[in-house]
Full PDB file with SEQRES, HELIX, SHEET, SSBOND, CRYST1, ORIGX, SCALE, CONECT and MASTER records, all heavy atoms in Angstrom:
SEQRES   1 A   43  MET LEU ALA LYS THR TRP GLN PRO GLY ASP GLU VAL VAL          
SEQRES   2 A   43  VAL THR ARG LEU ASP HIS ASP ALA ASN ILE ARG PRO TRP          
SEQRES   3 A   43  VAL GLN ALA ALA GLU ALA VAL GLY ALA ARG VAL ARG TRP          
SEQRES   4 A   43  VAL ASP PHE ASP                                              
HELIX    1 AA1 LEU A    2  THR A    5  5                                   4    
HELIX    2 AA2 ASP A   20  ASN A   22  5                                   3    
HELIX    3 AA3 ARG A   24  VAL A   33  1                                  10    
SHEET    1 AA1 2 GLU A  11  THR A  15  0                                        
SHEET    2 AA1 2 ARG A  36  VAL A  40  1                                        
CRYST1    1.000    1.000    1.000  90.00  90.00  90.00 P 1           1          
ORIGX1      1.000000  0.000000  0.000000        0.00000                         
ORIGX2      0.000000  1.000000  0.000000        0.00000                         
ORIGX3      0.000000  0.000000  1.000000        0.00000                         
SCALE1      1.000000  0.000000  0.000000        0.00000                         
SCALE2      0.000000  1.000000  0.000000        0.00000                         
SCALE3      0.000000  0.000000  1.000000        0.00000                         
ATOM      1  N   MET A   1      62.791  45.580 -27.469  1.00  0.00           N  
ATOM      2  CA  MET A   1      62.681  44.920 -28.773  1.00  0.00           C  
ATOM      3  C   MET A   1      62.567  45.932 -29.907  1.00  0.00           C  
ATOM      4  O   MET A   1      63.252  45.825 -30.930  1.00  0.00           O  
ATOM      5  CB  MET A   1      61.466  43.992 -28.789  1.00  0.00           C  
ATOM      6  CG  MET A   1      61.681  42.674 -28.089  1.00  0.00           C  
ATOM      7  SD  MET A   1      60.258  41.578 -28.282  1.00  0.00           S  
ATOM      8  CE  MET A   1      59.093  42.311 -27.127  1.00  0.00           C  
ATOM      9  N   LEU A   2      61.700  46.912 -29.740  1.00  0.00           N  
ATOM     10  CA  LEU A   2      61.510  47.893 -30.805  1.00  0.00           C  
ATOM     11  C   LEU A   2      62.755  48.741 -31.007  1.00  0.00           C  
ATOM     12  O   LEU A   2      63.070  49.151 -32.137  1.00  0.00           O  
ATOM     13  CB  LEU A   2      60.306  48.775 -30.485  1.00  0.00           C  
ATOM     14  CG  LEU A   2      58.957  48.085 -30.673  1.00  0.00           C  
ATOM     15  CD1 LEU A   2      57.844  48.853 -29.973  1.00  0.00           C  
ATOM     16  CD2 LEU A   2      58.634  47.942 -32.155  1.00  0.00           C  
ATOM     17  N   ALA A   3      63.493  49.006 -29.920  1.00  0.00           N  
ATOM     18  CA  ALA A   3      64.709  49.819 -30.036  1.00  0.00           C  
ATOM     19  C   ALA A   3      65.754  49.146 -30.918  1.00  0.00           C  
ATOM     20  O   ALA A   3      66.620  49.826 -31.493  1.00  0.00           O  
ATOM     21  CB  ALA A   3      65.282  50.101 -28.655  1.00  0.00           C  
ATOM     22  N   LYS A   4      65.680  47.822 -31.062  1.00  0.00           N  
ATOM     23  CA  LYS A   4      66.620  47.130 -31.951  1.00  0.00           C  
ATOM     24  C   LYS A   4      66.438  47.554 -33.408  1.00  0.00           C  
ATOM     25  O   LYS A   4      67.343  47.387 -34.231  1.00  0.00           O  
ATOM     26  CB  LYS A   4      66.432  45.616 -31.844  1.00  0.00           C  
ATOM     27  CG  LYS A   4      66.800  45.017 -30.494  1.00  0.00           C  
ATOM     28  CD  LYS A   4      66.529  43.512 -30.482  1.00  0.00           C  
ATOM     29  CE  LYS A   4      66.851  42.879 -29.144  1.00  0.00           C  
ATOM     30  NZ  LYS A   4      66.580  41.409 -29.136  1.00  0.00           N  
ATOM     31  N   THR A   5      65.262  48.104 -33.708  1.00  0.00           N  
ATOM     32  CA  THR A   5      64.975  48.522 -35.091  1.00  0.00           C  
ATOM     33  C   THR A   5      65.243  50.006 -35.306  1.00  0.00           C  
ATOM     34  O   THR A   5      65.056  50.509 -36.418  1.00  0.00           O  
ATOM     35  CB  THR A   5      63.505  48.226 -35.440  1.00  0.00           C  
ATOM     36  OG1 THR A   5      62.636  49.094 -34.695  1.00  0.00           O  
ATOM     37  CG2 THR A   5      63.149  46.777 -35.133  1.00  0.00           C  
ATOM     38  N   TRP A   6      65.666  50.743 -34.247  1.00  0.00           N  
ATOM     39  CA  TRP A   6      65.898  52.171 -34.360  1.00  0.00           C  
ATOM     40  C   TRP A   6      67.362  52.467 -34.666  1.00  0.00           C  
ATOM     41  O   TRP A   6      68.255  51.690 -34.342  1.00  0.00           O  
ATOM     42  CB  TRP A   6      65.506  52.896 -33.076  1.00  0.00           C  
ATOM     43  CG  TRP A   6      64.071  52.705 -32.672  1.00  0.00           C  
ATOM     44  CD1 TRP A   6      63.032  52.334 -33.462  1.00  0.00           C  
ATOM     45  CD2 TRP A   6      63.532  52.855 -31.341  1.00  0.00           C  
ATOM     46  NE1 TRP A   6      61.875  52.243 -32.729  1.00  0.00           N  
ATOM     47  CE2 TRP A   6      62.145  52.566 -31.427  1.00  0.00           C  
ATOM     48  CE3 TRP A   6      64.075  53.210 -30.119  1.00  0.00           C  
ATOM     49  CZ2 TRP A   6      61.308  52.622 -30.312  1.00  0.00           C  
ATOM     50  CZ3 TRP A   6      63.239  53.267 -29.005  1.00  0.00           C  
ATOM     51  CH2 TRP A   6      61.879  52.973 -29.113  1.00  0.00           C  
ATOM     52  N   GLN A   7      67.586  53.645 -35.257  1.00  0.00           N  
ATOM     53  CA  GLN A   7      68.923  54.128 -35.567  1.00  0.00           C  
ATOM     54  C   GLN A   7      69.174  55.449 -34.860  1.00  0.00           C  
ATOM     55  O   GLN A   7      68.223  56.146 -34.491  1.00  0.00           O  
ATOM     56  CB  GLN A   7      69.080  54.329 -37.091  1.00  0.00           C  
ATOM     57  CG  GLN A   7      68.824  53.083 -37.928  1.00  0.00           C  
ATOM     58  CD  GLN A   7      69.866  52.009 -37.681  1.00  0.00           C  
ATOM     59  OE1 GLN A   7      71.031  52.321 -37.452  1.00  0.00           O  
ATOM     60  NE2 GLN A   7      69.446  50.751 -37.731  1.00  0.00           N  
ATOM     61  N   PRO A   8      70.446  55.818 -34.661  1.00  0.00           N  
ATOM     62  CA  PRO A   8      70.730  57.146 -34.120  1.00  0.00           C  
ATOM     63  C   PRO A   8      70.053  58.227 -34.967  1.00  0.00           C  
ATOM     64  O   PRO A   8      70.086  58.173 -36.196  1.00  0.00           O  
ATOM     65  CB  PRO A   8      72.256  57.242 -34.204  1.00  0.00           C  
ATOM     66  CG  PRO A   8      72.713  55.819 -34.121  1.00  0.00           C  
ATOM     67  CD  PRO A   8      71.683  55.025 -34.874  1.00  0.00           C  
ATOM     68  N   GLY A   9      69.404  59.159 -34.312  1.00  0.00           N  
ATOM     69  CA  GLY A   9      68.688  60.209 -35.019  1.00  0.00           C  
ATOM     70  C   GLY A   9      67.218  59.916 -35.214  1.00  0.00           C  
ATOM     71  O   GLY A   9      66.441  60.829 -35.537  1.00  0.00           O  
ATOM     72  N   ASP A  10      66.802  58.667 -35.044  1.00  0.00           N  
ATOM     73  CA  ASP A  10      65.368  58.370 -35.059  1.00  0.00           C  
ATOM     74  C   ASP A  10      64.712  59.036 -33.854  1.00  0.00           C  
ATOM     75  O   ASP A  10      65.391  59.417 -32.888  1.00  0.00           O  
ATOM     76  CB  ASP A  10      65.123  56.858 -35.011  1.00  0.00           C  
ATOM     77  CG  ASP A  10      65.410  56.185 -36.341  1.00  0.00           C  
ATOM     78  OD1 ASP A  10      65.512  56.900 -37.362  1.00  0.00           O  
ATOM     79  OD2 ASP A  10      65.536  54.946 -36.366  1.00  0.00           O  
ATOM     80  N   GLU A  11      63.397  59.162 -33.898  1.00  0.00           N  
ATOM     81  CA  GLU A  11      62.687  59.894 -32.853  1.00  0.00           C  
ATOM     82  C   GLU A  11      61.577  59.052 -32.241  1.00  0.00           C  
ATOM     83  O   GLU A  11      60.897  58.274 -32.924  1.00  0.00           O  
ATOM     84  CB  GLU A  11      62.095  61.188 -33.413  1.00  0.00           C  
ATOM     85  CG  GLU A  11      63.168  62.153 -33.906  1.00  0.00           C  
ATOM     86  CD  GLU A  11      62.615  63.417 -34.534  1.00  0.00           C  
ATOM     87  OE1 GLU A  11      61.385  63.486 -34.762  1.00  0.00           O  
ATOM     88  OE2 GLU A  11      63.414  64.340 -34.807  1.00  0.00           O  
ATOM     89  N   VAL A  12      61.414  59.232 -30.928  1.00  0.00           N  
ATOM     90  CA  VAL A  12      60.371  58.556 -30.161  1.00  0.00           C  
ATOM     91  C   VAL A  12      59.575  59.636 -29.431  1.00  0.00           C  
ATOM     92  O   VAL A  12      60.159  60.540 -28.825  1.00  0.00           O  
ATOM     93  CB  VAL A  12      60.975  57.568 -29.145  1.00  0.00           C  
ATOM     94  CG1 VAL A  12      59.888  56.931 -28.297  1.00  0.00           C  
ATOM     95  CG2 VAL A  12      61.796  56.508 -29.856  1.00  0.00           C  
ATOM     96  N   VAL A  13      58.244  59.544 -29.499  1.00  0.00           N  
ATOM     97  CA  VAL A  13      57.381  60.569 -28.919  1.00  0.00           C  
ATOM     98  C   VAL A  13      56.728  60.028 -27.651  1.00  0.00           C  
ATOM     99  O   VAL A  13      56.136  58.942 -27.651  1.00  0.00           O  
ATOM    100  CB  VAL A  13      56.290  61.002 -29.922  1.00  0.00           C  
ATOM    101  CG1 VAL A  13      55.283  61.950 -29.262  1.00  0.00           C  
ATOM    102  CG2 VAL A  13      56.937  61.666 -31.139  1.00  0.00           C  
ATOM    103  N   VAL A  14      56.843  60.794 -26.562  1.00  0.00           N  
ATOM    104  CA  VAL A  14      56.157  60.478 -25.304  1.00  0.00           C  
ATOM    105  C   VAL A  14      55.404  61.726 -24.846  1.00  0.00           C  
ATOM    106  O   VAL A  14      55.723  62.832 -25.266  1.00  0.00           O  
ATOM    107  CB  VAL A  14      57.145  60.017 -24.201  1.00  0.00           C  
ATOM    108  CG1 VAL A  14      57.838  58.725 -24.590  1.00  0.00           C  
ATOM    109  CG2 VAL A  14      58.178  61.110 -23.907  1.00  0.00           C  
ATOM    110  N   THR A  15      54.405  61.547 -23.974  1.00  0.00           N  
ATOM    111  CA  THR A  15      53.634  62.691 -23.497  1.00  0.00           C  
ATOM    112  C   THR A  15      53.780  62.846 -21.991  1.00  0.00           C  
ATOM    113  O   THR A  15      53.971  61.868 -21.267  1.00  0.00           O  
ATOM    114  CB  THR A  15      52.132  62.558 -23.830  1.00  0.00           C  
ATOM    115  OG1 THR A  15      51.462  61.844 -22.784  1.00  0.00           O  
ATOM    116  CG2 THR A  15      51.912  61.847 -25.161  1.00  0.00           C  
ATOM    117  N   ARG A  16      53.645  64.079 -21.532  1.00  0.00           N  
ATOM    118  CA  ARG A  16      53.722  64.345 -20.096  1.00  0.00           C  
ATOM    119  C   ARG A  16      52.457  63.906 -19.367  1.00  0.00           C  
ATOM    120  O   ARG A  16      52.429  63.884 -18.135  1.00  0.00           O  
ATOM    121  CB  ARG A  16      53.976  65.828 -19.846  1.00  0.00           C  
ATOM    122  CG  ARG A  16      55.298  66.295 -20.387  1.00  0.00           C  
ATOM    123  CD  ARG A  16      55.728  67.626 -19.816  1.00  0.00           C  
ATOM    124  NE  ARG A  16      56.874  68.135 -20.567  1.00  0.00           N  
ATOM    125  CZ  ARG A  16      58.123  67.766 -20.380  1.00  0.00           C  
ATOM    126  NH1 ARG A  16      58.406  66.876 -19.436  1.00  0.00           N  
ATOM    127  NH2 ARG A  16      59.097  68.267 -21.114  1.00  0.00           N  
ATOM    128  N   LEU A  17      51.423  63.544 -20.105  1.00  0.00           N  
ATOM    129  CA  LEU A  17      50.185  63.088 -19.494  1.00  0.00           C  
ATOM    130  C   LEU A  17      50.293  61.652 -18.983  1.00  0.00           C  
ATOM    131  O   LEU A  17      49.519  61.234 -18.126  1.00  0.00           O  
ATOM    132  CB  LEU A  17      49.044  63.190 -20.515  1.00  0.00           C  
ATOM    133  CG  LEU A  17      47.626  62.922 -20.025  1.00  0.00           C  
ATOM    134  CD1 LEU A  17      47.190  63.955 -18.993  1.00  0.00           C  
ATOM    135  CD2 LEU A  17      46.649  62.922 -21.206  1.00  0.00           C  
ATOM    136  N   ASP A  18      51.258  60.908 -19.484  1.00  0.00           N  
ATOM    137  CA  ASP A  18      51.306  59.470 -19.257  1.00  0.00           C  
ATOM    138  C   ASP A  18      51.828  59.061 -17.889  1.00  0.00           C  
ATOM    139  O   ASP A  18      52.593  59.781 -17.242  1.00  0.00           O  
ATOM    140  CB  ASP A  18      52.186  58.821 -20.325  1.00  0.00           C  
ATOM    141  CG  ASP A  18      51.424  58.460 -21.581  1.00  0.00           C  
ATOM    142  OD1 ASP A  18      51.180  59.354 -22.406  1.00  0.00           O  
ATOM    143  OD2 ASP A  18      51.055  57.284 -21.727  1.00  0.00           O  
ATOM    144  N   HIS A  19      51.424  57.861 -17.498  1.00  0.00           N  
ATOM    145  CA  HIS A  19      52.042  57.121 -16.403  1.00  0.00           C  
ATOM    146  C   HIS A  19      53.494  56.867 -16.793  1.00  0.00           C  
ATOM    147  O   HIS A  19      53.816  56.692 -17.968  1.00  0.00           O  
ATOM    148  CB  HIS A  19      51.280  55.793 -16.236  1.00  0.00           C  
ATOM    149  CG  HIS A  19      51.666  54.970 -15.058  1.00  0.00           C  
ATOM    150  ND1 HIS A  19      52.876  54.304 -14.986  1.00  0.00           N  
ATOM    151  CD2 HIS A  19      50.998  54.658 -13.917  1.00  0.00           C  
ATOM    152  CE1 HIS A  19      52.934  53.631 -13.845  1.00  0.00           C  
ATOM    153  NE2 HIS A  19      51.809  53.822 -13.177  1.00  0.00           N  
ATOM    154  N   ASP A  20      54.379  56.838 -15.814  1.00  0.00           N  
ATOM    155  CA  ASP A  20      55.793  56.685 -16.134  1.00  0.00           C  
ATOM    156  C   ASP A  20      56.105  55.355 -16.818  1.00  0.00           C  
ATOM    157  O   ASP A  20      57.128  55.229 -17.497  1.00  0.00           O  
ATOM    158  CB  ASP A  20      56.643  56.819 -14.864  1.00  0.00           C  
ATOM    159  CG  ASP A  20      57.997  57.446 -15.146  1.00  0.00           C  
ATOM    160  OD1 ASP A  20      58.043  58.528 -15.771  1.00  0.00           O  
ATOM    161  OD2 ASP A  20      59.024  56.839 -14.769  1.00  0.00           O  
ATOM    162  N   ALA A  21      55.215  54.363 -16.659  1.00  0.00           N  
ATOM    163  CA  ALA A  21      55.430  53.078 -17.328  1.00  0.00           C  
ATOM    164  C   ALA A  21      55.296  53.180 -18.835  1.00  0.00           C  
ATOM    165  O   ALA A  21      55.726  52.268 -19.550  1.00  0.00           O  
ATOM    166  CB  ALA A  21      54.442  52.035 -16.796  1.00  0.00           C  
ATOM    167  N   ASN A  22      54.719  54.276 -19.325  1.00  0.00           N  
ATOM    168  CA  ASN A  22      54.668  54.493 -20.773  1.00  0.00           C  
ATOM    169  C   ASN A  22      55.525  55.683 -21.182  1.00  0.00           C  
ATOM    170  O   ASN A  22      55.345  56.249 -22.262  1.00  0.00           O  
ATOM    171  CB  ASN A  22      53.225  54.708 -21.243  1.00  0.00           C  
ATOM    172  CG  ASN A  22      53.032  54.350 -22.714  1.00  0.00           C  
ATOM    173  OD1 ASN A  22      53.694  53.448 -23.235  1.00  0.00           O  
ATOM    174  ND2 ASN A  22      52.134  55.043 -23.387  1.00  0.00           N  
ATOM    175  N   ILE A  23      56.451  56.034 -20.307  1.00  0.00           N  
ATOM    176  CA  ILE A  23      57.426  57.090 -20.606  1.00  0.00           C  
ATOM    177  C   ILE A  23      58.844  56.558 -20.459  1.00  0.00           C  
ATOM    178  O   ILE A  23      59.609  56.508 -21.424  1.00  0.00           O  
ATOM    179  CB  ILE A  23      57.237  58.313 -19.675  1.00  0.00           C  
ATOM    180  CG1 ILE A  23      55.883  58.994 -19.930  1.00  0.00           C  
ATOM    181  CG2 ILE A  23      58.375  59.320 -19.887  1.00  0.00           C  
ATOM    182  CD1 ILE A  23      55.601  60.163 -18.993  1.00  0.00           C  
ATOM    183  N   ARG A  24      59.193  56.154 -19.226  1.00  0.00           N  
ATOM    184  CA  ARG A  24      60.581  55.816 -18.937  1.00  0.00           C  
ATOM    185  C   ARG A  24      61.116  54.667 -19.773  1.00  0.00           C  
ATOM    186  O   ARG A  24      62.274  54.729 -20.229  1.00  0.00           O  
ATOM    187  CB  ARG A  24      60.745  55.516 -17.446  1.00  0.00           C  
ATOM    188  CG  ARG A  24      62.052  56.025 -16.852  1.00  0.00           C  
ATOM    189  CD  ARG A  24      62.273  57.524 -17.070  1.00  0.00           C  
ATOM    190  NE  ARG A  24      61.114  58.304 -16.642  1.00  0.00           N  
ATOM    191  CZ  ARG A  24      60.993  59.589 -16.862  1.00  0.00           C  
ATOM    192  NH1 ARG A  24      61.919  60.249 -17.530  1.00  0.00           N  
ATOM    193  NH2 ARG A  24      59.927  60.237 -16.447  1.00  0.00           N  
ATOM    194  N   PRO A  25      60.366  53.581 -20.037  1.00  0.00           N  
ATOM    195  CA  PRO A  25      60.932  52.529 -20.883  1.00  0.00           C  
ATOM    196  C   PRO A  25      61.336  53.033 -22.258  1.00  0.00           C  
ATOM    197  O   PRO A  25      62.369  52.611 -22.806  1.00  0.00           O  
ATOM    198  CB  PRO A  25      59.790  51.506 -20.973  1.00  0.00           C  
ATOM    199  CG  PRO A  25      59.015  51.708 -19.717  1.00  0.00           C  
ATOM    200  CD  PRO A  25      59.053  53.179 -19.476  1.00  0.00           C  
ATOM    201  N   TRP A  26      60.549  53.961 -22.818  1.00  0.00           N  
ATOM    202  CA  TRP A  26      60.851  54.488 -24.152  1.00  0.00           C  
ATOM    203  C   TRP A  26      62.014  55.474 -24.113  1.00  0.00           C  
ATOM    204  O   TRP A  26      62.862  55.484 -25.013  1.00  0.00           O  
ATOM    205  CB  TRP A  26      59.611  55.144 -24.736  1.00  0.00           C  
ATOM    206  CG  TRP A  26      58.435  54.226 -24.740  1.00  0.00           C  
ATOM    207  CD1 TRP A  26      57.298  54.319 -23.974  1.00  0.00           C  
ATOM    208  CD2 TRP A  26      58.296  53.022 -25.510  1.00  0.00           C  
ATOM    209  NE1 TRP A  26      56.464  53.264 -24.229  1.00  0.00           N  
ATOM    210  CE2 TRP A  26      57.038  52.452 -25.169  1.00  0.00           C  
ATOM    211  CE3 TRP A  26      59.086  52.385 -26.456  1.00  0.00           C  
ATOM    212  CZ2 TRP A  26      56.567  51.268 -25.742  1.00  0.00           C  
ATOM    213  CZ3 TRP A  26      58.631  51.204 -27.031  1.00  0.00           C  
ATOM    214  CH2 TRP A  26      57.386  50.665 -26.670  1.00  0.00           C  
ATOM    215  N   VAL A  27      62.043  56.303 -23.071  1.00  0.00           N  
ATOM    216  CA  VAL A  27      63.155  57.256 -22.919  1.00  0.00           C  
ATOM    217  C   VAL A  27      64.469  56.499 -22.770  1.00  0.00           C  
ATOM    218  O   VAL A  27      65.473  56.822 -23.425  1.00  0.00           O  
ATOM    219  CB  VAL A  27      62.912  58.172 -21.699  1.00  0.00           C  
ATOM    220  CG1 VAL A  27      64.159  58.981 -21.371  1.00  0.00           C  
ATOM    221  CG2 VAL A  27      61.726  59.099 -21.954  1.00  0.00           C  
ATOM    222  N   GLN A  28      64.486  55.484 -21.946  1.00  0.00           N  
ATOM    223  CA  GLN A  28      65.720  54.735 -21.713  1.00  0.00           C  
ATOM    224  C   GLN A  28      66.126  53.917 -22.932  1.00  0.00           C  
ATOM    225  O   GLN A  28      67.316  53.819 -23.256  1.00  0.00           O  
ATOM    226  CB  GLN A  28      65.528  53.843 -20.481  1.00  0.00           C  
ATOM    227  CG  GLN A  28      65.399  54.647 -19.195  1.00  0.00           C  
ATOM    228  CD  GLN A  28      64.870  53.835 -18.028  1.00  0.00           C  
ATOM    229  OE1 GLN A  28      64.414  52.705 -18.191  1.00  0.00           O  
ATOM    230  NE2 GLN A  28      64.915  54.417 -16.829  1.00  0.00           N  
ATOM    231  N   ALA A  29      65.142  53.350 -23.624  1.00  0.00           N  
ATOM    232  CA  ALA A  29      65.461  52.588 -24.831  1.00  0.00           C  
ATOM    233  C   ALA A  29      66.008  53.505 -25.917  1.00  0.00           C  
ATOM    234  O   ALA A  29      66.951  53.139 -26.646  1.00  0.00           O  
ATOM    235  CB  ALA A  29      64.222  51.854 -25.333  1.00  0.00           C  
ATOM    236  N   ALA A  30      65.430  54.697 -26.034  1.00  0.00           N  
ATOM    237  CA  ALA A  30      65.915  55.653 -27.030  1.00  0.00           C  
ATOM    238  C   ALA A  30      67.335  56.095 -26.720  1.00  0.00           C  
ATOM    239  O   ALA A  30      68.203  56.153 -27.613  1.00  0.00           O  
ATOM    240  CB  ALA A  30      64.978  56.866 -27.078  1.00  0.00           C  
ATOM    241  N   GLU A  31      67.605  56.393 -25.458  1.00  0.00           N  
ATOM    242  CA  GLU A  31      68.946  56.823 -25.066  1.00  0.00           C  
ATOM    243  C   GLU A  31      69.983  55.745 -25.366  1.00  0.00           C  
ATOM    244  O   GLU A  31      71.123  56.045 -25.748  1.00  0.00           O  
ATOM    245  CB  GLU A  31      68.959  57.180 -23.580  1.00  0.00           C  
ATOM    246  CG  GLU A  31      68.181  58.450 -23.245  1.00  0.00           C  
ATOM    247  CD  GLU A  31      68.069  58.681 -21.749  1.00  0.00           C  
ATOM    248  OE1 GLU A  31      68.354  57.725 -20.977  1.00  0.00           O  
ATOM    249  OE2 GLU A  31      67.695  59.803 -21.345  1.00  0.00           O  
ATOM    250  N   ALA A  32      69.589  54.485 -25.204  1.00  0.00           N  
ATOM    251  CA  ALA A  32      70.529  53.384 -25.398  1.00  0.00           C  
ATOM    252  C   ALA A  32      70.991  53.252 -26.848  1.00  0.00           C  
ATOM    253  O   ALA A  32      72.088  52.746 -27.102  1.00  0.00           O  
ATOM    254  CB  ALA A  32      69.902  52.068 -24.936  1.00  0.00           C  
ATOM    255  N   VAL A  33      70.151  53.693 -27.791  1.00  0.00           N  
ATOM    256  CA  VAL A  33      70.514  53.547 -29.212  1.00  0.00           C  
ATOM    257  C   VAL A  33      70.766  54.878 -29.897  1.00  0.00           C  
ATOM    258  O   VAL A  33      70.987  54.931 -31.113  1.00  0.00           O  
ATOM    259  CB  VAL A  33      69.417  52.764 -29.973  1.00  0.00           C  
ATOM    260  CG1 VAL A  33      69.261  51.365 -29.401  1.00  0.00           C  
ATOM    261  CG2 VAL A  33      68.088  53.512 -29.963  1.00  0.00           C  
ATOM    262  N   GLY A  34      70.734  55.976 -29.147  1.00  0.00           N  
ATOM    263  CA  GLY A  34      71.004  57.280 -29.732  1.00  0.00           C  
ATOM    264  C   GLY A  34      69.822  57.904 -30.440  1.00  0.00           C  
ATOM    265  O   GLY A  34      69.987  58.826 -31.256  1.00  0.00           O  
ATOM    266  N   ALA A  35      68.618  57.437 -30.143  1.00  0.00           N  
ATOM    267  CA  ALA A  35      67.423  58.051 -30.717  1.00  0.00           C  
ATOM    268  C   ALA A  35      67.041  59.281 -29.892  1.00  0.00           C  
ATOM    269  O   ALA A  35      67.389  59.408 -28.718  1.00  0.00           O  
ATOM    270  CB  ALA A  35      66.270  57.056 -30.748  1.00  0.00           C  
ATOM    271  N   ARG A  36      66.282  60.173 -30.523  1.00  0.00           N  
ATOM    272  CA  ARG A  36      65.882  61.412 -29.872  1.00  0.00           C  
ATOM    273  C   ARG A  36      64.486  61.259 -29.277  1.00  0.00           C  
ATOM    274  O   ARG A  36      63.593  60.684 -29.907  1.00  0.00           O  
ATOM    275  CB  ARG A  36      65.878  62.550 -30.891  1.00  0.00           C  
ATOM    276  CG  ARG A  36      65.471  63.910 -30.330  1.00  0.00           C  
ATOM    277  CD  ARG A  36      65.379  64.951 -31.438  1.00  0.00           C  
ATOM    278  NE  ARG A  36      65.008  66.257 -30.919  1.00  0.00           N  
ATOM    279  CZ  ARG A  36      64.674  67.300 -31.670  1.00  0.00           C  
ATOM    280  NH1 ARG A  36      64.699  67.169 -33.007  1.00  0.00           N  
ATOM    281  NH2 ARG A  36      64.339  68.450 -31.135  1.00  0.00           N  
ATOM    282  N   VAL A  37      64.285  61.791 -28.072  1.00  0.00           N  
ATOM    283  CA  VAL A  37      62.968  61.763 -27.425  1.00  0.00           C  
ATOM    284  C   VAL A  37      62.290  63.114 -27.640  1.00  0.00           C  
ATOM    285  O   VAL A  37      62.859  64.164 -27.344  1.00  0.00           O  
ATOM    286  CB  VAL A  37      63.091  61.473 -25.922  1.00  0.00           C  
ATOM    287  CG1 VAL A  37      61.716  61.546 -25.255  1.00  0.00           C  
ATOM    288  CG2 VAL A  37      63.730  60.117 -25.688  1.00  0.00           C  
ATOM    289  N   ARG A  38      61.073  63.076 -28.176  1.00  0.00           N  
ATOM    290  CA  ARG A  38      60.270  64.289 -28.357  1.00  0.00           C  
ATOM    291  C   ARG A  38      59.127  64.256 -27.333  1.00  0.00           C  
ATOM    292  O   ARG A  38      58.385  63.286 -27.254  1.00  0.00           O  
ATOM    293  CB  ARG A  38      59.694  64.350 -29.775  1.00  0.00           C  
ATOM    294  CG  ARG A  38      60.731  64.338 -30.890  1.00  0.00           C  
ATOM    295  CD  ARG A  38      61.596  65.595 -30.886  1.00  0.00           C  
ATOM    296  NE  ARG A  38      60.812  66.802 -31.056  1.00  0.00           N  
ATOM    297  CZ  ARG A  38      60.536  67.352 -32.262  1.00  0.00           C  
ATOM    298  NH1 ARG A  38      60.962  66.755 -33.381  1.00  0.00           N  
ATOM    299  NH2 ARG A  38      59.828  68.453 -32.338  1.00  0.00           N  
ATOM    300  N   TRP A  39      59.018  65.326 -26.567  1.00  0.00           N  
ATOM    301  CA  TRP A  39      58.010  65.405 -25.508  1.00  0.00           C  
ATOM    302  C   TRP A  39      56.795  66.193 -25.991  1.00  0.00           C  
ATOM    303  O   TRP A  39      56.935  67.220 -26.671  1.00  0.00           O  
ATOM    304  CB  TRP A  39      58.579  66.104 -24.272  1.00  0.00           C  
ATOM    305  CG  TRP A  39      59.566  65.262 -23.523  1.00  0.00           C  
ATOM    306  CD1 TRP A  39      60.904  65.132 -23.764  1.00  0.00           C  
ATOM    307  CD2 TRP A  39      59.281  64.424 -22.395  1.00  0.00           C  
ATOM    308  NE1 TRP A  39      61.475  64.274 -22.870  1.00  0.00           N  
ATOM    309  CE2 TRP A  39      60.511  63.816 -22.009  1.00  0.00           C  
ATOM    310  CE3 TRP A  39      58.138  64.127 -21.674  1.00  0.00           C  
ATOM    311  CZ2 TRP A  39      60.604  62.947 -20.922  1.00  0.00           C  
ATOM    312  CZ3 TRP A  39      58.221  63.262 -20.593  1.00  0.00           C  
ATOM    313  CH2 TRP A  39      59.448  62.681 -20.239  1.00  0.00           C  
ATOM    314  N   VAL A  40      55.613  65.724 -25.589  1.00  0.00           N  
ATOM    315  CA  VAL A  40      54.367  66.426 -25.896  1.00  0.00           C  
ATOM    316  C   VAL A  40      53.751  66.899 -24.582  1.00  0.00           C  
ATOM    317  O   VAL A  40      53.509  66.098 -23.672  1.00  0.00           O  
ATOM    318  CB  VAL A  40      53.365  65.515 -26.634  1.00  0.00           C  
ATOM    319  CG1 VAL A  40      52.090  66.295 -26.956  1.00  0.00           C  
ATOM    320  CG2 VAL A  40      53.988  64.957 -27.899  1.00  0.00           C  
ATOM    321  N   ASP A  41      53.506  68.203 -24.490  1.00  0.00           N  
ATOM    322  CA  ASP A  41      52.874  68.766 -23.304  1.00  0.00           C  
ATOM    323  C   ASP A  41      51.352  68.744 -23.457  1.00  0.00           C  
ATOM    324  O   ASP A  41      50.825  68.614 -24.563  1.00  0.00           O  
ATOM    325  CB  ASP A  41      53.344  70.206 -23.088  1.00  0.00           C  
ATOM    326  CG  ASP A  41      54.852  70.301 -22.881  1.00  0.00           C  
ATOM    327  OD1 ASP A  41      55.432  69.328 -22.359  1.00  0.00           O  
ATOM    328  OD2 ASP A  41      55.433  71.338 -23.250  1.00  0.00           O  
ATOM    329  N   PHE A  42      50.657  68.883 -22.335  1.00  0.00           N  
ATOM    330  CA  PHE A  42      49.201  68.993 -22.374  1.00  0.00           C  
ATOM    331  C   PHE A  42      48.774  70.274 -21.685  1.00  0.00           C  
ATOM    332  O   PHE A  42      49.584  70.943 -21.025  1.00  0.00           O  
ATOM    333  CB  PHE A  42      48.542  67.771 -21.737  1.00  0.00           C  
ATOM    334  CG  PHE A  42      48.837  67.596 -20.265  1.00  0.00           C  
ATOM    335  CD1 PHE A  42      48.008  68.121 -19.286  1.00  0.00           C  
ATOM    336  CD2 PHE A  42      49.966  66.874 -19.845  1.00  0.00           C  
ATOM    337  CE1 PHE A  42      48.278  67.947 -17.941  1.00  0.00           C  
ATOM    338  CE2 PHE A  42      50.240  66.695 -18.497  1.00  0.00           C  
ATOM    339  CZ  PHE A  42      49.410  67.235 -17.542  1.00  0.00           C  
ATOM    340  N   ASP A  43      47.520  70.639 -21.840  1.00  0.00           N  
ATOM    341  CA  ASP A  43      47.007  71.878 -21.277  1.00  0.00           C  
ATOM    342  C   ASP A  43      46.963  71.781 -19.754  1.00  0.00           C  
ATOM    343  O   ASP A  43      46.282  70.918 -19.198  1.00  0.00           O  
ATOM    344  CB  ASP A  43      45.610  72.162 -21.835  1.00  0.00           C  
ATOM    345  CG  ASP A  43      45.098  73.533 -21.442  1.00  0.00           C  
ATOM    346  OD1 ASP A  43      44.744  73.718 -20.263  1.00  0.00           O  
ATOM    347  OD2 ASP A  43      45.035  74.427 -22.316  1.00  0.00           O  
TER     348      ASP A  43                                                      
MASTER        0    0    0    3    2    0    0    6  347    1    0    4          
END                                                                             
């Protein structure tokens, strides 16, 4: 639903700390509309 409001070049932020259920849906939704995924690492 939220990806319907995104445009190519928009950015979505996910973290490596997360369960994949809060990573993969956003990565796949971003890829579908041409948005960029920004990854955040943790210590």
